[in-house]
Amino acid sequence: MLTNPLYLIKGIVGRTFYTIPQRPERIQIEITNRCNYTCGMCPRESFSLSERDISLDLFKKIIDWIGSRYNITLTGWGEPLLHPELMNMILYTRSKGHHVGVTTNGLLLSPFIEKFIDTLDKLTVSLDSIKEGHEVTDGHPSNKVVQKNIETLINYRENRRKPVVTIQITMHNKLQCLDTLKFAGTVGADRVYLVRLNNPLGNSGFKRPGLKEELEIYKAAGEIARKYGFQVDNNYTAFDNRLLRLFYKQLRPVMYRFDKYCPKPYDYLYINIDGKATPCCDLPRYEVGNLFKQGIDEIWHGENMHYFREHQNDVCGNCDALRLKHLY
């Protein structure tokens, strides 16, 4: 979630009464489906998406058509740093008044570090383990290059507030998570975002900790965060303001309508390489509109989005990423 207090207050009130905002606040744009990793926990292989890049011309059309002042993440089911026009895309997006973020696996980060510090508002690096020999089949593989890139990025940034550097950890087991959290604290990350291993397709082969172990991880993570002085977030509790964070936690059952609604698509759209809009990145084939044929407002307030909002549980099936029982 964003850190602007007015945005957070508006979001909490809006979700509590489930009044849909006039437009999405967050837009995620898929710029490539190519990736330099093949991680067992990533569903991109199951989605059978074609591996290609969006052209710079089509990307600019999307940015022009959505209007201004959105919070845009240039990441889809691929590694954005593989796109040869990434920096031009970031600069063009910023020139239109948007806030820009990127999520990366960090392997190719080194030549981008100085450029990202000058252009990005937020940079998230996925790092699931620092243990040598951590298997790719479990998650993002351990890589000393990635760890060094994160450390270099944070040191180079010095006292600047931007970009906010977040290390994203997919929870596979307690020891792996806590070691990576300590690494994040040692190098000076702003935040660590603990992510539950999502199961959008009901794949029983995923290795995930049970609810008891998840709770143990969150409790231990909080202690590590306090020791090192960074913020640890999970499942939409990314608040700078502690009072708002407390209110949000108390009101979550009402805002989720006791699991009738997922909080993610409330103010969010995902735009794929073809300009097609979906309500969630985990629903790449559930089209609610096309930016090359409709305006963003028409899509947001259209019949397809209305149907999705009323039938989320039917559409989303076995996805359990943000169920109430997993919120701590």
Protein backbone atom coordinates (compact mmCIF):
# COMPACT_ATOMS: atom_id res chain seq x y z
CA MET A 1 0.00 0.00 0.00
CA LEU A 2 1.06 3.57 -0.45
CA THR A 3 2.34 5.64 2.44
CA ASN A 4 0.38 8.87 1.91
CA PRO A 5 -1.83 9.19 5.05
CA LEU A 6 -4.79 10.68 3.16
CA TYR A 7 -4.67 7.81 0.68
CA LEU A 8 -4.53 5.28 3.51
CA ILE A 9 -7.44 6.86 5.40
CA LYS A 10 -9.50 7.03 2.22
CA GLY A 11 -8.67 3.41 1.48
CA ILE A 12 -9.64 2.19 4.94
CA VAL A 13 -12.95 4.08 4.92
CA GLY A 14 -13.70 3.06 1.34
CA ARG A 15 -13.01 -0.59 2.00
CA THR A 16 -15.02 -0.56 5.21
CA PHE A 17 -18.14 0.65 3.38
CA TYR A 18 -16.98 -0.92 0.09
CA THR A 19 -17.42 2.22 -1.95
CA ILE A 20 -15.45 1.72 -5.16
CA PRO A 21 -13.00 4.58 -5.90
CA GLN A 22 -13.59 6.65 -9.01
CA ARG A 23 -10.48 5.16 -10.56
CA PRO A 24 -7.78 2.65 -9.66
CA GLU A 25 -4.92 4.08 -7.63
CA ARG A 26 -2.40 1.39 -8.58
CA ILE A 27 -1.68 0.06 -12.06
CA GLN A 28 0.74 -2.75 -12.78
CA ILE A 29 2.00 -2.93 -16.36
CA GLU A 30 3.48 -6.11 -17.76
CA ILE A 31 6.43 -5.09 -19.94
CA THR A 32 7.90 -8.55 -20.53
CA ASN A 33 7.13 -12.21 -19.95
CA ARG A 34 10.76 -13.25 -20.31
CA CYS A 35 12.67 -14.24 -17.19
CA ASN A 36 16.21 -15.29 -16.37
CA TYR A 37 15.03 -17.62 -13.59
CA THR A 38 12.67 -20.58 -13.53
CA CYS A 39 11.40 -20.71 -9.96
CA GLY A 40 9.22 -23.57 -8.78
CA MET A 41 6.98 -21.30 -6.73
CA CYS A 42 6.23 -18.98 -9.69
CA PRO A 43 3.03 -19.84 -11.61
CA ARG A 44 4.19 -18.23 -14.86
CA GLU A 45 4.91 -21.65 -16.39
CA SER A 46 1.38 -22.80 -15.54
CA PHE A 47 -0.07 -19.71 -17.22
CA SER A 48 1.60 -20.70 -20.53
CA LEU A 49 2.28 -17.08 -21.44
CA SER A 50 4.22 -16.24 -24.58
CA GLU A 51 7.72 -14.96 -23.84
CA ARG A 52 7.97 -11.55 -25.44
CA ASP A 53 8.40 -7.84 -24.69
CA ILE A 54 5.97 -5.00 -25.14
CA SER A 55 7.19 -2.48 -27.70
CA LEU A 56 8.12 1.01 -26.53
CA ASP A 57 5.50 2.53 -28.86
CA LEU A 58 2.68 0.40 -27.42
CA PHE A 59 3.89 1.11 -23.90
CA LYS A 60 3.78 4.85 -24.52
CA LYS A 61 0.23 4.52 -25.87
CA ILE A 62 -0.83 2.76 -22.66
CA ILE A 63 0.74 5.49 -20.52
CA ASP A 64 -0.89 8.20 -22.65
CA TRP A 65 -4.33 6.57 -22.48
CA ILE A 66 -4.45 5.95 -18.74
CA GLY A 67 -3.99 9.63 -17.88
CA SER A 68 -1.81 10.98 -15.09
CA ARG A 69 -1.00 10.57 -11.40
CA TYR A 70 -1.13 6.84 -10.89
CA ASN A 71 1.19 4.62 -8.91
CA ILE A 72 2.63 2.38 -11.60
CA THR A 73 4.70 -0.77 -11.23
CA LEU A 74 6.56 -1.87 -14.36
CA THR A 75 6.66 -5.57 -13.59
CA GLY A 76 4.64 -8.54 -14.82
CA TRP A 77 5.27 -12.26 -15.18
CA GLY A 78 8.88 -11.73 -16.19
CA GLU A 79 12.08 -9.93 -15.21
CA PRO A 80 11.72 -6.23 -16.15
CA LEU A 81 15.48 -5.64 -16.28
CA LEU A 82 15.59 -7.87 -19.37
CA HIS A 83 13.62 -5.31 -21.37
CA PRO A 84 16.05 -3.23 -23.48
CA GLU A 85 13.81 -0.15 -23.22
CA LEU A 86 13.23 -0.26 -19.46
CA MET A 87 14.94 3.05 -18.68
CA ASN A 88 13.09 4.82 -21.49
CA MET A 89 9.84 3.43 -20.10
CA ILE A 90 10.64 4.65 -16.59
CA LEU A 91 11.57 8.12 -17.83
CA TYR A 92 8.48 8.40 -20.03
CA THR A 93 6.21 7.27 -17.20
CA ARG A 94 7.72 9.82 -14.82
CA SER A 95 7.38 12.56 -17.44
CA LYS A 96 3.62 12.01 -17.33
CA GLY A 97 3.47 12.62 -13.58
CA HIS A 98 3.28 9.05 -12.31
CA HIS A 99 5.04 7.44 -9.38
CA VAL A 100 7.10 4.52 -10.68
CA GLY A 101 8.22 1.28 -9.08
CA VAL A 102 9.97 -1.87 -10.27
CA THR A 103 10.18 -5.37 -8.79
CA THR A 104 13.22 -7.43 -9.80
CA ASN A 105 15.03 -10.63 -8.87
CA GLY A 106 18.16 -8.46 -8.64
CA LEU A 107 20.54 -10.56 -10.71
CA LEU A 108 20.93 -7.89 -13.42
CA LEU A 109 20.73 -4.92 -11.05
CA SER A 110 24.34 -3.72 -11.07
CA PRO A 111 24.34 -1.50 -14.21
CA PHE A 112 20.97 0.00 -13.22
CA ILE A 113 21.79 1.05 -9.66
CA GLU A 114 22.74 4.68 -10.28
CA LYS A 115 19.93 5.14 -12.81
CA PHE A 116 17.31 3.67 -10.49
CA ILE A 117 18.32 5.93 -7.61
CA ASP A 118 17.69 8.96 -9.80
CA THR A 119 14.41 7.79 -11.36
CA LEU A 120 12.48 5.29 -9.23
CA ASP A 121 10.19 5.93 -6.28
CA LYS A 122 10.28 2.32 -5.11
CA LEU A 123 12.46 -0.68 -5.87
CA THR A 124 11.61 -4.16 -4.63
CA VAL A 125 14.15 -6.97 -4.85
CA SER A 126 13.01 -10.56 -4.38
CA LEU A 127 15.42 -12.56 -2.26
CA ASP A 128 14.07 -15.78 -0.78
CA SER A 129 17.25 -17.14 0.76
CA ILE A 130 20.87 -16.30 1.47
CA LYS A 131 21.75 -19.93 2.11
CA GLU A 132 24.19 -21.45 -0.35
CA GLY A 133 22.68 -24.23 -2.42
CA HIS A 134 19.09 -23.06 -1.97
CA GLU A 135 17.28 -24.80 -4.81
CA VAL A 136 15.62 -22.90 -7.64
CA THR A 137 12.68 -25.29 -7.34
CA ASP A 138 11.86 -23.76 -3.95
CA GLY A 139 11.97 -20.11 -4.91
CA HIS A 140 14.35 -17.40 -6.08
CA PRO A 141 17.77 -19.05 -5.83
CA SER A 142 20.37 -17.82 -3.41
CA ASN A 143 22.88 -15.70 -5.27
CA LYS A 144 25.81 -13.74 -3.88
CA VAL A 145 25.57 -11.37 -6.85
CA VAL A 146 22.01 -10.40 -5.85
CA GLN A 147 23.04 -9.88 -2.24
CA LYS A 148 25.98 -7.72 -3.30
CA ASN A 149 23.76 -5.70 -5.65
CA ILE A 150 21.30 -5.00 -2.83
CA GLU A 151 24.08 -3.89 -0.50
CA THR A 152 25.67 -1.69 -3.18
CA LEU A 153 22.33 -0.09 -4.01
CA ILE A 154 21.58 0.81 -0.40
CA ASN A 155 25.10 2.12 0.27
CA TYR A 156 25.11 4.19 -2.90
CA ARG A 157 21.77 5.73 -2.06
CA GLU A 158 23.18 7.01 1.24
CA ASN A 159 20.63 9.25 3.00
CA ARG A 160 18.21 9.77 0.13
CA ARG A 161 14.66 8.71 0.80
CA LYS A 162 14.15 7.33 -2.69
CA PRO A 163 13.91 4.78 -3.95
CA VAL A 164 12.37 2.93 -1.03
CA VAL A 165 14.22 -0.39 -1.03
CA THR A 166 12.13 -3.40 -0.12
CA ILE A 167 13.33 -6.99 0.07
CA GLN A 168 10.54 -9.41 -0.71
CA ILE A 169 10.70 -12.86 0.85
CA THR A 170 8.41 -15.74 -0.04
CA MET A 171 7.91 -17.80 3.09
CA HIS A 172 9.16 -21.35 2.53
CA ASN A 173 10.44 -22.17 6.01
CA LYS A 174 11.21 -20.39 9.23
CA LEU A 175 15.02 -20.60 9.19
CA GLN A 176 15.34 -19.42 5.59
CA CYS A 177 13.07 -16.43 6.23
CA LEU A 178 14.74 -15.29 9.42
CA ASP A 179 18.27 -15.50 8.00
CA THR A 180 17.21 -13.38 5.03
CA LEU A 181 15.52 -10.89 7.35
CA LYS A 182 18.76 -10.49 9.29
CA PHE A 183 20.62 -9.89 6.04
CA ALA A 184 18.10 -7.17 5.15
CA GLY A 185 18.65 -5.50 8.50
CA THR A 186 22.42 -5.72 8.22
CA VAL A 187 22.57 -4.00 4.81
CA GLY A 188 20.04 -1.30 5.77
CA ALA A 189 16.89 -2.13 3.81
CA ASP A 190 13.92 0.18 4.45
CA ARG A 191 11.39 -2.62 4.52
CA VAL A 192 10.99 -6.33 4.22
CA TYR A 193 7.79 -7.66 2.75
CA LEU A 194 6.94 -11.21 3.78
CA VAL A 195 4.83 -12.87 1.12
CA ARG A 196 2.81 -16.04 1.51
CA LEU A 197 3.52 -18.56 -1.22
CA ASN A 198 0.44 -18.06 -3.38
CA ASN A 199 -1.52 -20.99 -4.73
CA PRO A 200 -3.72 -19.50 -7.48
CA LEU A 201 -4.13 -22.75 -9.39
CA GLY A 202 -4.63 -25.03 -6.41
CA ASN A 203 -1.27 -26.75 -6.99
CA SER A 204 -0.84 -29.14 -4.08
CA GLY A 205 2.84 -29.57 -4.95
CA PHE A 206 3.81 -26.19 -3.49
CA LYS A 207 5.82 -26.43 -0.30
CA ARG A 208 4.36 -24.00 2.20
CA PRO A 209 4.62 -23.60 5.95
CA GLY A 210 1.52 -24.35 7.96
CA LEU A 211 -0.45 -21.69 9.81
CA LYS A 212 1.39 -22.34 13.08
CA GLU A 213 4.79 -21.94 11.45
CA GLU A 214 3.62 -18.80 9.63
CA LEU A 215 2.65 -17.24 12.95
CA GLU A 216 6.05 -18.14 14.39
CA ILE A 217 7.76 -16.55 11.40
CA TYR A 218 5.79 -13.30 11.74
CA LYS A 219 6.48 -13.09 15.47
CA ALA A 220 10.21 -13.69 15.04
CA ALA A 221 10.31 -11.31 12.06
CA GLY A 222 8.88 -8.53 14.21
CA GLU A 223 11.61 -9.03 16.79
CA ILE A 224 14.34 -8.91 14.12
CA ALA A 225 12.82 -5.79 12.56
CA ARG A 226 12.81 -3.99 15.91
CA LYS A 227 16.43 -4.97 16.52
CA TYR A 228 17.66 -3.67 13.16
CA GLY A 229 15.26 -0.74 12.83
CA PHE A 230 13.39 -1.60 9.64
CA GLN A 231 9.71 -2.21 8.94
CA VAL A 232 8.39 -5.67 8.19
CA ASP A 233 5.10 -5.87 6.29
CA ASN A 234 2.81 -8.64 5.25
CA ASN A 235 -0.51 -9.06 3.50
CA TYR A 236 -1.45 -5.43 2.98
CA THR A 237 -0.23 -4.02 6.26
CA ALA A 238 2.35 -1.72 4.64
CA PHE A 239 1.72 1.40 6.71
CA ASP A 240 4.25 3.94 7.94
CA ASN A 241 1.71 5.33 10.39
CA ARG A 242 1.36 2.93 13.32
CA LEU A 243 -2.09 4.19 14.30
CA LEU A 244 -3.44 3.61 10.78
CA ARG A 245 -1.81 0.21 10.77
CA LEU A 246 -3.63 -0.67 14.00
CA PHE A 247 -6.97 0.58 12.66
CA TYR A 248 -6.48 -1.40 9.49
CA LYS A 249 -5.78 -4.61 11.37
CA GLN A 250 -8.84 -4.18 13.56
CA LEU A 251 -11.14 -3.39 10.64
CA ARG A 252 -9.84 -6.03 8.23
CA PRO A 253 -12.66 -8.55 8.77
CA VAL A 254 -15.22 -5.88 7.89
CA MET A 255 -13.22 -4.55 4.93
CA TYR A 256 -12.80 -8.07 3.55
CA ARG A 257 -16.50 -8.75 4.21
CA PHE A 258 -15.29 -11.85 6.04
CA ASP A 259 -13.51 -13.15 2.93
CA LYS A 260 -16.12 -12.16 0.36
CA TYR A 261 -13.75 -9.54 -1.05
CA CYS A 262 -10.01 -9.60 -1.64
CA PRO A 263 -8.39 -6.21 -0.90
CA LYS A 264 -6.06 -6.24 -3.90
CA PRO A 265 -8.46 -5.44 -6.80
CA TYR A 266 -10.25 -2.73 -4.82
CA ASP A 267 -8.04 -0.01 -6.33
CA TYR A 268 -5.80 -1.99 -8.70
CA LEU A 269 -5.59 -3.01 -12.37
CA TYR A 270 -3.13 -5.22 -14.19
CA ILE A 271 -2.35 -4.37 -17.83
CA ASN A 272 -0.70 -7.07 -19.92
CA ILE A 273 1.51 -6.83 -22.99
CA ASP A 274 -1.50 -6.67 -25.32
CA GLY A 275 -3.16 -3.82 -23.42
CA LYS A 276 -5.72 -6.14 -21.87
CA ALA A 277 -6.81 -5.30 -18.33
CA THR A 278 -7.36 -7.87 -15.60
CA PRO A 279 -8.32 -7.32 -11.93
CA CYS A 280 -5.29 -9.21 -10.63
CA CYS A 281 -1.89 -10.37 -11.84
CA ASP A 282 -2.88 -13.91 -10.84
CA LEU A 283 -5.74 -13.78 -13.37
CA PRO A 284 -3.79 -13.11 -16.59
CA ARG A 285 -6.53 -14.48 -18.84
CA TYR A 286 -9.53 -12.93 -17.05
CA GLU A 287 -10.03 -9.92 -19.29
CA VAL A 288 -12.21 -7.05 -18.05
CA GLY A 289 -11.29 -4.62 -20.82
CA ASN A 290 -8.69 -3.51 -23.35
CA LEU A 291 -6.94 -0.15 -23.19
CA PHE A 292 -6.55 -0.12 -26.95
CA LYS A 293 -10.34 -0.16 -27.28
CA GLN A 294 -11.64 1.49 -24.08
CA GLY A 295 -10.68 4.23 -21.68
CA ILE A 296 -9.52 3.43 -18.16
CA ASP A 297 -12.74 4.82 -16.64
CA GLU A 298 -14.90 2.72 -18.95
CA ILE A 299 -13.02 -0.42 -17.92
CA TRP A 300 -13.03 0.44 -14.21
CA HIS A 301 -16.77 1.11 -14.08
CA GLY A 302 -17.75 -1.41 -16.75
CA GLU A 303 -19.94 -4.49 -16.54
CA ASN A 304 -17.00 -6.91 -16.47
CA MET A 305 -15.43 -5.29 -13.40
CA HIS A 306 -18.82 -5.06 -11.72
CA TYR A 307 -19.38 -8.78 -12.28
CA PHE A 308 -15.93 -9.60 -10.92
CA ARG A 309 -16.48 -7.56 -7.77
CA GLU A 310 -19.71 -9.41 -7.05
CA HIS A 311 -18.31 -12.88 -7.84
CA GLN A 312 -14.72 -12.74 -6.63
CA ASN A 313 -14.76 -16.06 -4.81
CA ASP A 314 -16.12 -17.86 -7.86
CA VAL A 315 -13.61 -16.26 -10.21
CA CYS A 316 -10.56 -16.58 -7.97
CA GLY A 317 -11.18 -20.20 -7.00
CA ASN A 318 -8.47 -21.67 -4.79
CA CYS A 319 -6.33 -18.56 -4.44
CA ASP A 320 -5.70 -18.06 -0.73
CA ALA A 321 -3.01 -15.37 -0.77
CA LEU A 322 -4.99 -12.81 1.22
CA ARG A 323 -7.50 -14.83 3.20
CA LEU A 324 -8.24 -13.54 6.67
CA LYS A 325 -6.89 -16.64 8.41
CA HIS A 326 -3.44 -15.80 7.05
CA LEU A 327 -3.37 -12.22 8.34
CA TYR A 328 -1.32 -11.45 11.45
